[in-house]
Protein backbone atom coordinates (compact mmCIF):
# COMPACT_ATOMS: atom_id res chain seq x y z
CA MET A 1 -52.74 303.01 392.97
CA LYS A 2 -52.69 301.23 389.47
CA GLY A 3 -52.67 297.69 388.74
CA THR A 4 -54.47 294.33 389.60
CA THR A 5 -56.25 293.73 392.95
CA SER A 6 -56.10 290.66 394.90
CA ALA A 7 -59.28 288.97 395.36
CA PRO A 8 -58.23 286.89 398.61
CA THR A 9 -57.10 290.07 400.19
CA GLU A 10 -60.34 291.73 399.43
CA ARG A 11 -62.13 288.85 401.14
CA VAL A 12 -60.33 289.46 404.25
CA LEU A 13 -60.78 292.94 404.21
CA ASP A 14 -64.53 292.53 403.81
CA VAL A 15 -64.71 290.30 406.62
CA VAL A 16 -62.89 292.96 408.92
CA GLU A 17 -65.21 295.85 407.40
CA LEU A 18 -68.47 293.89 408.09
CA LEU A 19 -67.70 293.48 411.63
CA ALA A 20 -66.71 297.13 411.94
CA LYS A 21 -69.99 298.43 410.77
CA PRO A 22 -72.65 299.56 413.51
CA GLY A 23 -74.79 296.62 414.51
CA ASN A 24 -72.32 294.06 413.44
CA GLU A 25 -70.36 294.01 416.72
CA GLN A 26 -70.93 290.20 417.08
CA LEU A 27 -71.62 287.85 414.00
CA ARG A 28 -72.02 284.08 413.92
CA PHE A 29 -70.18 282.13 411.21
CA SER A 30 -73.24 281.61 408.95
CA ASP A 31 -74.12 285.21 409.15
CA ILE A 32 -70.44 286.13 407.74
CA VAL A 33 -70.80 283.57 405.04
CA THR A 34 -74.18 284.76 404.03
CA GLN A 35 -73.82 288.52 404.20
CA LEU A 36 -70.26 288.32 402.26
CA GLY A 37 -71.22 285.28 399.83
CA LEU A 38 -68.26 283.18 401.02
CA THR A 39 -68.03 279.45 400.78
CA GLN A 40 -67.82 277.96 404.29
CA ALA A 41 -64.20 276.58 403.51
CA THR A 42 -62.87 280.16 402.63
CA ALA A 43 -64.87 281.89 405.54
CA HIS A 44 -63.45 279.33 407.71
CA SER A 45 -59.68 279.96 406.88
CA ILE A 46 -60.06 283.57 406.88
CA LEU A 47 -61.96 283.59 410.49
CA LYS A 48 -59.04 281.26 411.78
CA THR A 49 -56.17 283.23 410.45
CA LEU A 50 -57.77 286.49 411.79
CA SER A 51 -58.58 284.95 414.89
CA ASP A 52 -54.92 283.30 415.25
CA ARG A 53 -53.64 286.99 414.77
CA GLY A 54 -55.68 288.61 417.39
CA TRP A 55 -57.55 290.69 414.98
CA LEU A 56 -60.83 288.71 415.79
CA THR A 57 -62.25 286.90 418.68
CA ARG A 58 -64.83 284.34 419.14
CA ASP A 59 -67.23 284.10 422.08
CA PRO A 60 -66.66 280.54 423.27
CA ALA A 61 -70.51 280.50 424.74
CA GLY A 62 -72.21 282.25 421.87
CA LYS A 63 -69.65 281.45 419.03
CA ALA A 64 -70.12 285.01 417.55
CA PHE A 65 -67.02 286.72 415.95
CA SER A 66 -65.74 290.06 416.69
CA LEU A 67 -63.11 292.43 416.38
CA GLY A 68 -60.12 291.62 418.50
CA PRO A 69 -57.29 293.28 420.55
CA GLY A 70 -54.96 292.80 417.34
CA LEU A 71 -56.67 295.35 415.63
CA ALA A 72 -56.52 297.94 418.75
CA VAL A 73 -52.82 297.79 418.38
CA VAL A 74 -53.01 299.09 414.66
CA GLY A 75 -55.89 301.57 415.66
CA ALA A 76 -53.51 302.93 418.23
CA ARG A 77 -51.21 304.09 415.64
CA ILE A 78 -53.87 305.90 413.62
CA ASP A 79 -53.69 309.09 415.42
CA ALA A 80 -49.87 309.18 415.26
CA VAL A 81 -49.59 308.64 411.46
CA ARG A 82 -52.66 310.47 410.41
CA PRO A 83 -52.42 313.76 412.36
CA LEU A 84 -54.70 315.65 409.80
CA ALA A 85 -57.52 313.04 410.11
CA HIS A 86 -57.46 312.94 413.81
CA ALA A 87 -57.37 316.78 413.76
CA ALA A 88 -60.58 316.63 411.63
CA HIS A 89 -62.25 314.14 413.91
CA VAL A 90 -61.37 316.24 416.96
CA ALA A 91 -62.85 319.40 414.96
CA ALA A 92 -66.26 317.38 414.12
CA VAL A 93 -66.80 316.76 417.85
CA GLN A 94 -66.29 320.54 418.47
CA LEU A 95 -68.53 321.69 415.91
CA SER A 96 -71.33 319.17 416.85
CA THR A 97 -71.15 320.37 420.54
CA GLU A 98 -70.89 323.98 419.38
CA LEU A 99 -73.58 323.97 416.86
CA GLY A 100 -75.85 321.42 418.05
CA TYR A 101 -75.97 319.23 415.04
CA ALA A 102 -74.24 316.11 413.73
CA ALA A 103 -70.89 316.57 412.33
CA SER A 104 -68.65 314.30 410.04
CA VAL A 105 -65.42 313.43 408.40
CA VAL A 106 -65.31 312.24 405.02
CA GLU A 107 -62.14 311.04 403.10
CA ARG A 108 -61.68 310.23 399.32
CA VAL A 109 -60.16 306.88 398.66
CA GLY A 110 -59.81 306.81 394.63
CA ASP A 111 -63.27 306.97 393.51
CA THR A 112 -64.92 306.35 396.62
CA LEU A 113 -65.73 308.55 399.45
CA VAL A 114 -65.69 307.04 402.90
CA ILE A 115 -67.12 308.31 406.02
CA THR A 116 -64.30 308.01 408.78
CA ALA A 117 -66.24 309.96 411.86
CA PHE A 118 -69.82 310.68 412.67
CA GLU A 119 -70.37 312.90 415.90
CA GLY A 120 -73.24 314.33 417.54
CA PRO A 121 -76.98 313.58 417.41
CA VAL A 122 -78.38 310.93 414.96
CA ALA A 123 -81.40 312.14 413.06
CA GLY A 124 -83.08 308.59 412.47
CA THR A 125 -82.69 307.22 408.86
CA HIS A 126 -80.76 310.48 407.73
CA THR A 127 -77.49 309.30 408.71
CA THR A 128 -74.95 307.12 407.09
CA PRO A 129 -72.77 305.02 409.50
CA PRO A 130 -68.89 305.65 409.81
CA ALA A 131 -67.00 303.43 407.37
CA GLU A 132 -69.86 303.60 404.70
CA ARG A 133 -68.44 304.00 401.21
CA ILE A 134 -70.16 306.35 398.83
CA PRO A 135 -69.68 306.75 395.05
CA TYR A 136 -67.74 309.79 394.43
CA ALA A 137 -69.84 310.82 391.63
CA PRO A 138 -72.83 313.47 391.30
CA PRO A 139 -74.36 314.52 393.43
CA PHE A 140 -71.71 313.31 395.99
CA GLY A 141 -68.28 314.82 396.67
CA VAL A 142 -68.71 318.53 395.48
CA ALA A 143 -66.53 319.88 397.95
CA PHE A 144 -63.66 317.51 396.75
CA ALA A 145 -64.28 318.12 393.08
CA ALA A 146 -64.66 322.08 393.43
CA TRP A 147 -60.92 322.18 394.17
CA ASP A 148 -59.65 319.53 391.98
CA THR A 149 -58.12 319.83 388.68
CA VAL A 150 -59.97 320.33 385.58
CA VAL A 151 -59.30 316.79 384.50
CA GLU A 152 -60.26 315.31 387.68
CA GLN A 153 -63.36 317.48 387.57
CA ARG A 154 -64.22 316.31 384.13
CA ALA A 155 -63.89 312.69 385.71
CA TRP A 156 -66.11 313.27 388.45
CA ILE A 157 -68.78 314.66 385.90
CA ASN A 158 -68.44 311.73 383.80
CA ARG A 159 -69.19 309.34 386.60
CA SER A 160 -72.66 310.74 386.79
CA GLY A 161 -73.29 308.18 383.85
CA SER A 162 -75.06 310.70 381.73
CA THR A 163 -73.72 311.96 378.42
CA ASN A 164 -76.24 314.95 378.76
CA PRO A 165 -74.36 318.42 378.16
CA GLU A 166 -76.98 320.40 380.27
CA LEU A 167 -75.84 318.12 383.10
CA ALA A 168 -72.10 318.62 382.62
CA GLU A 169 -72.75 322.47 382.12
CA ARG A 170 -74.92 322.64 385.26
CA LEU A 171 -72.36 320.75 387.37
CA GLU A 172 -69.54 322.69 386.36
CA ARG A 173 -71.48 325.81 387.30
CA VAL A 174 -72.03 324.09 390.64
CA LEU A 175 -68.49 323.64 391.21
CA ALA A 176 -67.20 326.98 390.17
CA ARG A 177 -69.76 328.56 392.67
CA THR A 178 -68.87 326.22 395.37
CA ARG A 179 -65.23 327.33 395.06
CA GLU A 180 -66.18 330.87 395.03
CA ARG A 181 -68.28 330.59 398.05
CA GLY A 182 -65.77 328.35 400.01
CA PHE A 183 -68.09 325.53 401.05
CA ASP A 184 -70.82 323.32 399.59
CA VAL A 185 -74.51 322.86 400.84
CA ASP A 186 -76.43 319.74 400.00
CA TRP A 187 -79.88 318.82 400.78
CA THR A 188 -80.05 315.75 398.73
CA THR A 189 -82.16 313.09 401.18
CA PRO A 190 -80.85 309.51 401.36
CA ALA A 191 -83.57 308.42 399.06
CA LEU A 192 -82.85 310.89 396.51
CA GLY A 193 -79.09 309.70 396.32
CA GLN A 194 -80.16 306.35 396.21
CA MET A 195 -82.60 307.14 393.13
CA THR A 196 -79.52 308.94 391.40
CA GLN A 197 -77.27 305.86 391.52
CA LEU A 198 -79.91 303.51 390.33
CA VAL A 199 -80.85 305.72 387.40
CA GLY A 200 -77.04 306.14 386.49
CA THR A 201 -76.92 302.39 386.42
CA LEU A 202 -80.16 301.74 384.56
CA ARG A 203 -79.42 303.91 381.59
CA ASP A 204 -76.92 301.52 380.17
CA ASP A 205 -79.40 298.66 379.81
CA VAL A 206 -82.44 300.31 378.22
CA PRO A 207 -83.20 300.98 374.85
CA VAL A 208 -82.18 304.34 373.14
CA HIS A 209 -85.46 306.19 373.52
CA VAL A 210 -85.96 305.30 377.29
CA ARG A 211 -82.19 306.18 377.91
CA ALA A 212 -83.00 309.65 376.86
CA MET A 213 -85.75 310.22 379.26
CA LEU A 214 -83.23 308.65 381.90
CA ASP A 215 -80.76 311.16 381.16
CA GLU A 216 -83.31 314.11 381.64
CA LEU A 217 -84.45 312.61 384.92
CA LEU A 218 -80.66 311.93 385.93
CA VAL A 219 -79.96 315.86 385.52
CA GLU A 220 -82.74 316.56 387.66
CA CYS A 221 -81.63 314.04 390.33
CA ALA A 222 -77.83 314.85 390.09
CA THR A 223 -78.58 318.45 390.84
CA ILE A 224 -81.67 318.78 392.56
CA GLY A 225 -79.79 318.60 395.83
CA LEU A 226 -77.37 321.31 395.26
CA LEU A 227 -77.64 324.89 396.20
CA PRO A 228 -79.16 327.28 393.89
CA GLU A 229 -76.55 329.05 391.91
CA ASN A 230 -77.59 332.47 393.30
CA ASP A 231 -77.55 331.20 396.85
CA SER A 232 -81.14 332.30 397.30
CA ALA A 233 -84.19 330.27 398.13
CA PRO A 234 -87.85 331.35 398.42
CA ARG A 235 -88.31 329.52 401.88
CA PRO A 236 -86.16 327.63 404.25
CA GLN A 237 -84.83 324.45 402.87
CA PRO A 238 -84.00 321.18 404.79
CA ILE A 239 -80.38 320.98 404.65
CA ALA A 240 -78.61 317.56 404.65
CA SER A 241 -74.90 318.90 404.67
CA ILE A 242 -72.69 321.85 404.89
CA CYS A 243 -69.35 320.91 403.84
CA ALA A 244 -65.74 322.79 403.72
CA PRO A 245 -62.46 321.42 402.01
CA VAL A 246 -59.58 320.30 404.44
CA PHE A 247 -56.35 320.90 402.76
CA ASP A 248 -53.19 319.21 403.45
CA ALA A 249 -49.69 320.34 403.02
CA HIS A 250 -49.59 319.86 399.43
CA GLY A 251 -52.74 322.05 398.64
CA GLN A 252 -54.75 318.71 398.12
CA VAL A 253 -58.31 318.15 399.64
CA PRO A 254 -58.04 314.55 401.03
CA MET A 255 -61.06 315.08 403.13
CA ILE A 256 -63.98 317.12 404.00
CA LEU A 257 -65.20 318.56 407.49
CA ALA A 258 -69.16 318.79 407.48
CA VAL A 259 -72.14 319.38 409.77
CA HIS A 260 -75.39 318.06 409.19
CA PRO A 261 -78.56 320.10 410.37
CA PHE A 262 -81.14 317.81 409.01
CA VAL A 263 -83.58 320.77 409.49
CA ALA A 264 -85.14 323.55 407.40
CA LEU A 265 -82.85 326.60 407.66
CA PRO A 266 -83.17 330.29 406.01
CA MET A 267 -80.17 331.00 403.62
CA ARG A 268 -78.64 333.59 406.00
CA ARG A 269 -78.20 330.81 408.75
CA VAL A 270 -76.77 328.44 406.06
CA SER A 271 -74.38 331.14 405.02
CA ALA A 272 -73.13 331.32 408.77
CA LEU A 273 -72.92 327.81 409.26
CA GLY A 274 -70.97 327.43 406.06
CA LYS A 275 -68.50 330.30 407.01
CA ARG A 276 -67.94 328.45 410.72
CA VAL A 277 -67.21 325.23 409.02
CA VAL A 278 -64.79 326.82 406.80
CA GLU A 279 -63.17 328.54 409.77
CA ALA A 280 -62.75 325.06 411.36
CA SER A 281 -61.51 323.38 408.48
CA SER A 282 -58.94 326.12 407.70
CA ALA A 283 -57.48 325.93 411.31
CA LEU A 284 -56.70 322.30 410.79
CA LEU A 285 -53.38 322.52 408.91
CA SER A 286 -52.38 325.65 410.72
CA GLY A 287 -52.99 323.83 414.09
């Protein structure tokens, strides 16, 4: 949606989202102030308002805040007003049970990807918790971009931060091959993903000769986790995710369904898993 945003509203939402993150089920006033960088007066006003509306509760003994029953009323309506998302979440549970791997649902919100469900076994530090936001930029979101318009694909590529034509050409081939295959395969590790974001940020704050070197590094970072264009690999590769698009009634891709093996797999197994995820995602709209 175009237009200016409301800073006060953003601060309220920041508080709710902070308490919704795993591990933050109960936070004290000082924790909220510190983590969000709020003034005590602002934090007090927000927390009192949310508490009065029942969106937050405060433990009378420990004085810690947690999400309240008011949000449960809102949450209870989610499945009814977002049936496709609900069906995708159910499919993620079914895939995880069937395949023995973690499964997730990722939705696109503007230029951001939001993990709205993560089901199944947790593989240590490999996982990203639900509600976590990821930039919709290379190497993330291939399964969205592959089925987007040419204009949106170009915008996605440009968000890599690089002006190197080699990166654009390689990403265009990846998108075309992904669409032809029907699913995306990614073996980008969390550390590599963080490095890609860091390199993209640094390139605008360094001398020109250093920027050229960073652009070369960005090309490798942004594409190293993507499946080889010929779908072949000399040996089993550690697979982070296998993603298929979920189409809505208008033919758009508002979300993707994924499984996360987090183990090395031969390409034959990867292809079989990819076809299974595509089957599951294709059944959502018809179901």
